[in-house]
Amino acid sequence: MRAGRVPWQARLAYVALFAIAGAAWYVLAQAEHAMRDMQGDGVLMGLMWIMMAPRDISSYLTVTAAMWVIMMIAMMTPAVVPMMLVFRGLERGPRAALDPVLFAGGYLASWSAVSLVAAAAQWWLHDNGSLHGPALAAGRALSGGILIAAGAWQWTPWKEACLSRCRGPLRFFLEHSRPGRAGALVMGAHHGLYCIGCCWLLMLLMFAGGAMSVLTMAVLAAFILLERVLPAGPWVTRIPGLALIATGIILLAG
């Protein structure tokens, strides 16, 4: 371990990463506002009109996939920061200052690939009339089912196995260490796969809260980060899981 001075190139890369994440949140907030009002013109307004027309499959999927990529960058950048901090302290040689940023790039690339699946799911749900209103939210029955499924996943050994790699960064790096900058990218992508295994059902909550809801995005991003930084224990995952299941049952019974 070492904690040397960070070169200016690495500092600039860190600033750029978080500036991109901040810009992503800004774009999402503007998109939610445009979707809610559906008035005016401009590029963003045009994209929102496309997202309200699932019959135009190719355009809809293109715009929706781009929006999900932006969402993943905004939501998952905070979750990778603890890993970046640990990675920064690893002894990887004098040319490794940018490795943590490359690690984050690989991580976000994995989540961006998930965006394609999420966009396809959104198109199918929207085209079948399952998403409603400017937030593109599912109805009570579908939302209840999603909540119960996400809550049940919180109790599974697969959830715990994936989350353990996120809670224990040193364990992950010991098991999956690769040299060089390409290795940093590959490790980031590999860690992203663990994170996807941990959180994929939580991401479906976007359809319950509204695919365009910035509040839902922010709550999910905060919860995913807290799962990683709070002390390990079943209460971190299972009590929220029970809350999700109970909320889902209430929705189904309502």
Protein backbone atom coordinates (compact mmCIF):
# COMPACT_ATOMS: atom_id res chain seq x y z
CA MET A 1 0.00 0.00 0.00
CA ARG A 2 1.08 3.52 -0.64
CA ALA A 3 -0.56 6.90 -0.72
CA GLY A 4 1.68 9.04 -2.88
CA ARG A 5 0.82 12.30 -4.45
CA VAL A 6 -1.72 12.01 -7.27
CA PRO A 7 -0.31 13.29 -10.61
CA TRP A 8 -2.18 16.13 -12.24
CA GLN A 9 -3.24 13.89 -15.14
CA ALA A 10 -4.95 11.54 -12.72
CA ARG A 11 -6.56 14.42 -10.85
CA LEU A 12 -7.90 15.75 -14.14
CA ALA A 13 -9.27 12.32 -15.00
CA TYR A 14 -11.01 12.08 -11.62
CA VAL A 15 -12.54 15.52 -12.08
CA ALA A 16 -13.69 14.59 -15.58
CA LEU A 17 -15.33 11.38 -14.31
CA PHE A 18 -17.32 13.15 -11.63
CA ALA A 19 -18.14 16.05 -13.97
CA ILE A 20 -19.62 13.52 -16.40
CA ALA A 21 -21.65 11.97 -13.58
CA GLY A 22 -22.88 15.42 -12.53
CA ALA A 23 -23.79 16.27 -16.11
CA ALA A 24 -25.69 12.99 -16.34
CA TRP A 25 -27.81 13.94 -13.32
CA TYR A 26 -28.48 17.34 -14.89
CA VAL A 27 -29.59 15.81 -18.19
CA LEU A 28 -31.87 13.37 -16.38
CA ALA A 29 -33.48 16.18 -14.39
CA GLN A 30 -34.06 18.17 -17.57
CA ALA A 31 -35.43 15.11 -19.34
CA GLU A 32 -37.89 14.43 -16.51
CA HIS A 33 -39.04 18.05 -16.65
CA ALA A 34 -39.46 17.89 -20.44
CA MET A 35 -41.35 14.59 -20.23
CA ARG A 36 -43.68 16.01 -17.58
CA ASP A 37 -44.53 19.20 -19.51
CA MET A 38 -44.26 17.93 -23.11
CA GLN A 39 -44.11 21.54 -24.27
CA GLY A 40 -41.55 23.58 -26.15
CA ASP A 41 -38.95 22.52 -28.67
CA GLY A 42 -35.26 21.68 -28.80
CA VAL A 43 -33.31 18.44 -29.05
CA LEU A 44 -34.26 17.09 -25.62
CA MET A 45 -37.94 17.75 -26.19
CA GLY A 46 -37.73 15.93 -29.50
CA LEU A 47 -36.14 12.93 -27.80
CA MET A 48 -38.89 12.85 -25.19
CA TRP A 49 -41.53 12.74 -27.92
CA ILE A 50 -39.74 9.73 -29.39
CA MET A 51 -39.84 8.05 -25.97
CA MET A 52 -43.61 8.48 -25.95
CA ALA A 53 -43.96 6.58 -29.25
CA PRO A 54 -42.99 2.91 -28.70
CA ARG A 55 -44.46 1.94 -32.09
CA ASP A 56 -41.41 3.53 -33.72
CA ILE A 57 -39.21 0.69 -32.51
CA SER A 58 -35.77 1.63 -33.83
CA SER A 59 -35.92 5.28 -32.77
CA TYR A 60 -37.48 4.41 -29.43
CA LEU A 61 -34.83 1.82 -28.59
CA THR A 62 -31.99 4.13 -29.64
CA VAL A 63 -33.17 7.04 -27.50
CA THR A 64 -34.20 4.85 -24.56
CA ALA A 65 -30.88 2.97 -24.55
CA ALA A 66 -29.01 6.30 -24.55
CA MET A 67 -31.16 7.51 -21.64
CA TRP A 68 -30.47 4.32 -19.67
CA VAL A 69 -26.73 4.67 -20.27
CA ILE A 70 -26.92 8.19 -18.84
CA MET A 71 -28.91 6.82 -15.89
CA MET A 72 -26.34 4.13 -15.20
CA ILE A 73 -23.47 6.62 -15.26
CA ALA A 74 -25.35 8.92 -12.87
CA MET A 75 -26.51 6.20 -10.47
CA MET A 76 -23.51 3.88 -10.39
CA THR A 77 -20.58 6.32 -10.29
CA PRO A 78 -21.02 6.85 -6.52
CA ALA A 79 -21.08 3.07 -5.99
CA VAL A 80 -17.67 2.59 -7.64
CA VAL A 81 -15.93 5.33 -5.64
CA PRO A 82 -15.09 3.11 -2.61
CA MET A 83 -13.45 0.60 -4.97
CA MET A 84 -11.51 3.38 -6.67
CA LEU A 85 -10.17 4.60 -3.33
CA VAL A 86 -8.91 1.13 -2.41
CA PHE A 87 -7.50 0.57 -5.88
CA ARG A 88 -5.65 3.87 -5.63
CA GLY A 89 -3.76 2.55 -2.61
CA LEU A 90 -2.55 -0.63 -4.31
CA GLU A 91 1.09 -0.77 -5.37
CA ARG A 92 0.85 -1.03 -9.15
CA GLY A 93 3.89 0.92 -10.27
CA PRO A 94 4.66 4.53 -11.18
CA ARG A 95 2.50 4.53 -14.32
CA ALA A 96 -0.65 3.33 -12.55
CA ALA A 97 -2.08 6.68 -11.42
CA LEU A 98 -4.90 6.47 -13.96
CA ASP A 99 -5.76 2.85 -13.15
CA PRO A 100 -8.62 3.70 -10.73
CA VAL A 101 -10.31 5.81 -13.41
CA LEU A 102 -9.86 3.03 -15.96
CA PHE A 103 -11.31 0.63 -13.40
CA ALA A 104 -14.36 2.89 -13.10
CA GLY A 105 -14.61 3.02 -16.90
CA GLY A 106 -14.73 -0.77 -17.12
CA TYR A 107 -17.28 -0.89 -14.33
CA LEU A 108 -19.56 1.65 -16.02
CA ALA A 109 -19.13 -0.13 -19.35
CA SER A 110 -20.62 -3.29 -17.81
CA TRP A 111 -23.58 -1.32 -16.50
CA SER A 112 -23.96 0.43 -19.87
CA ALA A 113 -24.36 -2.99 -21.49
CA VAL A 114 -27.25 -3.62 -19.09
CA SER A 115 -28.83 -0.46 -20.49
CA LEU A 116 -29.53 -2.27 -23.76
CA VAL A 117 -31.53 -4.95 -21.93
CA ALA A 118 -33.32 -2.32 -19.83
CA ALA A 119 -34.23 -0.34 -22.94
CA ALA A 120 -35.65 -3.44 -24.59
CA ALA A 121 -37.66 -4.23 -21.44
CA GLN A 122 -38.96 -0.66 -21.32
CA TRP A 123 -40.00 -0.78 -24.97
CA TRP A 124 -41.87 -4.08 -24.44
CA LEU A 125 -43.66 -2.82 -21.35
CA HIS A 126 -44.49 0.54 -22.94
CA ASP A 127 -45.69 -1.00 -26.21
CA ASN A 128 -47.96 -3.34 -24.26
CA GLY A 129 -49.50 -0.51 -22.26
CA SER A 130 -47.83 -1.38 -18.96
CA LEU A 131 -46.09 2.00 -18.44
CA HIS A 132 -48.17 5.08 -17.79
CA GLY A 133 -47.92 8.84 -17.35
CA PRO A 134 -44.98 11.19 -17.92
CA ALA A 135 -42.80 9.20 -15.52
CA LEU A 136 -43.45 5.96 -17.46
CA ALA A 137 -44.42 4.08 -14.29
CA ALA A 138 -45.93 0.61 -14.08
CA GLY A 139 -49.41 0.04 -12.69
CA ARG A 140 -50.14 -1.27 -9.20
CA ALA A 141 -50.12 -4.97 -10.08
CA LEU A 142 -46.83 -4.93 -11.99
CA SER A 143 -45.21 -2.58 -9.47
CA GLY A 144 -46.29 -4.86 -6.63
CA GLY A 145 -44.79 -7.86 -8.37
CA ILE A 146 -41.52 -6.03 -9.01
CA LEU A 147 -41.29 -4.92 -5.38
CA ILE A 148 -41.89 -8.45 -4.09
CA ALA A 149 -39.33 -9.93 -6.50
CA ALA A 150 -36.71 -7.30 -5.60
CA GLY A 151 -37.36 -7.83 -1.89
CA ALA A 152 -37.09 -11.60 -2.19
CA TRP A 153 -33.77 -11.26 -4.06
CA GLN A 154 -32.38 -9.40 -1.05
CA TRP A 155 -32.68 -12.67 0.94
CA THR A 156 -30.94 -14.96 -1.54
CA PRO A 157 -27.39 -16.36 -1.17
CA TRP A 158 -26.63 -15.10 -4.70
CA LYS A 159 -27.30 -11.53 -3.60
CA GLU A 160 -25.02 -11.97 -0.59
CA ALA A 161 -22.27 -13.62 -2.63
CA CYS A 162 -22.18 -10.76 -5.14
CA LEU A 163 -22.48 -8.06 -2.49
CA SER A 164 -19.59 -9.53 -0.51
CA ARG A 165 -17.25 -8.69 -3.40
CA CYS A 166 -18.44 -5.09 -3.26
CA ARG A 167 -18.16 -4.81 0.53
CA GLY A 168 -14.68 -6.35 0.57
CA PRO A 169 -12.63 -4.54 -2.08
CA LEU A 170 -9.33 -6.08 -1.01
CA ARG A 171 -10.78 -9.58 -1.42
CA PHE A 172 -11.90 -8.71 -4.93
CA PHE A 173 -8.53 -7.28 -5.92
CA LEU A 174 -6.66 -10.25 -4.47
CA GLU A 175 -8.83 -12.68 -6.40
CA HIS A 176 -8.97 -10.80 -9.70
CA SER A 177 -5.76 -8.76 -9.91
CA ARG A 178 -4.53 -8.04 -13.44
CA PRO A 179 -1.51 -5.95 -14.44
CA GLY A 180 -1.47 -2.82 -16.55
CA ARG A 181 -4.08 -0.41 -17.77
CA ALA A 182 -5.91 -3.05 -19.77
CA GLY A 183 -6.01 -5.10 -16.58
CA ALA A 184 -7.60 -2.19 -14.74
CA LEU A 185 -10.35 -2.00 -17.37
CA VAL A 186 -10.95 -5.74 -17.23
CA MET A 187 -11.09 -5.73 -13.43
CA GLY A 188 -13.58 -2.87 -13.52
CA ALA A 189 -15.78 -4.75 -15.99
CA HIS A 190 -15.50 -7.90 -13.85
CA HIS A 191 -16.48 -5.99 -10.74
CA GLY A 192 -19.38 -4.52 -12.70
CA LEU A 193 -20.65 -8.06 -13.31
CA TYR A 194 -20.68 -8.74 -9.56
CA CYS A 195 -22.52 -5.47 -9.03
CA ILE A 196 -25.05 -6.34 -11.71
CA GLY A 197 -25.64 -9.70 -10.04
CA CYS A 198 -26.18 -7.85 -6.79
CA CYS A 199 -28.50 -5.12 -8.05
CA TRP A 200 -30.24 -6.17 -11.26
CA LEU A 201 -33.60 -6.70 -9.57
CA LEU A 202 -33.26 -3.42 -7.71
CA MET A 203 -32.91 -1.72 -11.09
CA LEU A 204 -36.33 -3.06 -12.06
CA LEU A 205 -37.70 -0.78 -9.34
CA MET A 206 -37.19 2.01 -11.86
CA PHE A 207 -40.30 0.73 -13.61
CA ALA A 208 -42.25 0.76 -10.34
CA GLY A 209 -41.16 4.27 -9.42
CA GLY A 210 -41.10 5.57 -12.98
CA ALA A 211 -38.42 5.07 -15.62
CA MET A 212 -38.07 8.86 -15.88
CA SER A 213 -38.28 9.59 -12.15
CA VAL A 214 -35.12 11.29 -10.90
CA LEU A 215 -36.28 10.81 -7.31
CA THR A 216 -36.45 7.03 -7.84
CA MET A 217 -32.98 7.11 -9.40
CA ALA A 218 -31.57 9.08 -6.47
CA VAL A 219 -33.11 6.78 -3.84
CA LEU A 220 -31.79 3.68 -5.62
CA ALA A 221 -28.33 5.20 -6.06
CA ALA A 222 -28.18 6.08 -2.35
CA PHE A 223 -29.37 2.61 -1.28
CA ILE A 224 -26.88 0.82 -3.55
CA LEU A 225 -24.04 2.95 -2.15
CA LEU A 226 -25.13 2.37 1.46
CA GLU A 227 -25.21 -1.40 0.92
CA ARG A 228 -21.52 -1.19 0.09
CA VAL A 229 -20.24 1.13 2.81
CA LEU A 230 -22.32 0.18 5.85
CA PRO A 231 -21.00 -2.57 8.15
CA ALA A 232 -21.83 -6.03 6.85
CA GLY A 233 -24.84 -7.74 8.34
CA PRO A 234 -28.14 -9.26 7.25
CA TRP A 235 -30.02 -6.15 8.39
CA VAL A 236 -28.42 -4.16 5.56
CA THR A 237 -30.10 -6.29 2.89
CA ARG A 238 -32.86 -8.30 4.53
CA ILE A 239 -34.75 -5.61 6.41
CA PRO A 240 -35.01 -3.47 3.27
CA GLY A 241 -36.01 -6.67 1.48
CA LEU A 242 -38.86 -7.20 3.92
CA ALA A 243 -39.94 -3.59 3.44
CA LEU A 244 -40.02 -4.07 -0.33
CA ILE A 245 -42.04 -7.29 -0.01
CA ALA A 246 -44.51 -5.67 2.39
CA THR A 247 -44.97 -2.67 0.09
CA GLY A 248 -45.50 -4.97 -2.87
CA ILE A 249 -48.16 -6.94 -1.01
CA ILE A 250 -49.94 -3.73 -0.03
CA LEU A 251 -49.98 -2.62 -3.68
CA LEU A 252 -51.34 -5.96 -4.86
CA ALA A 253 -53.99 -5.97 -2.17
CA GLY A 254 -55.07 -2.36 -2.83
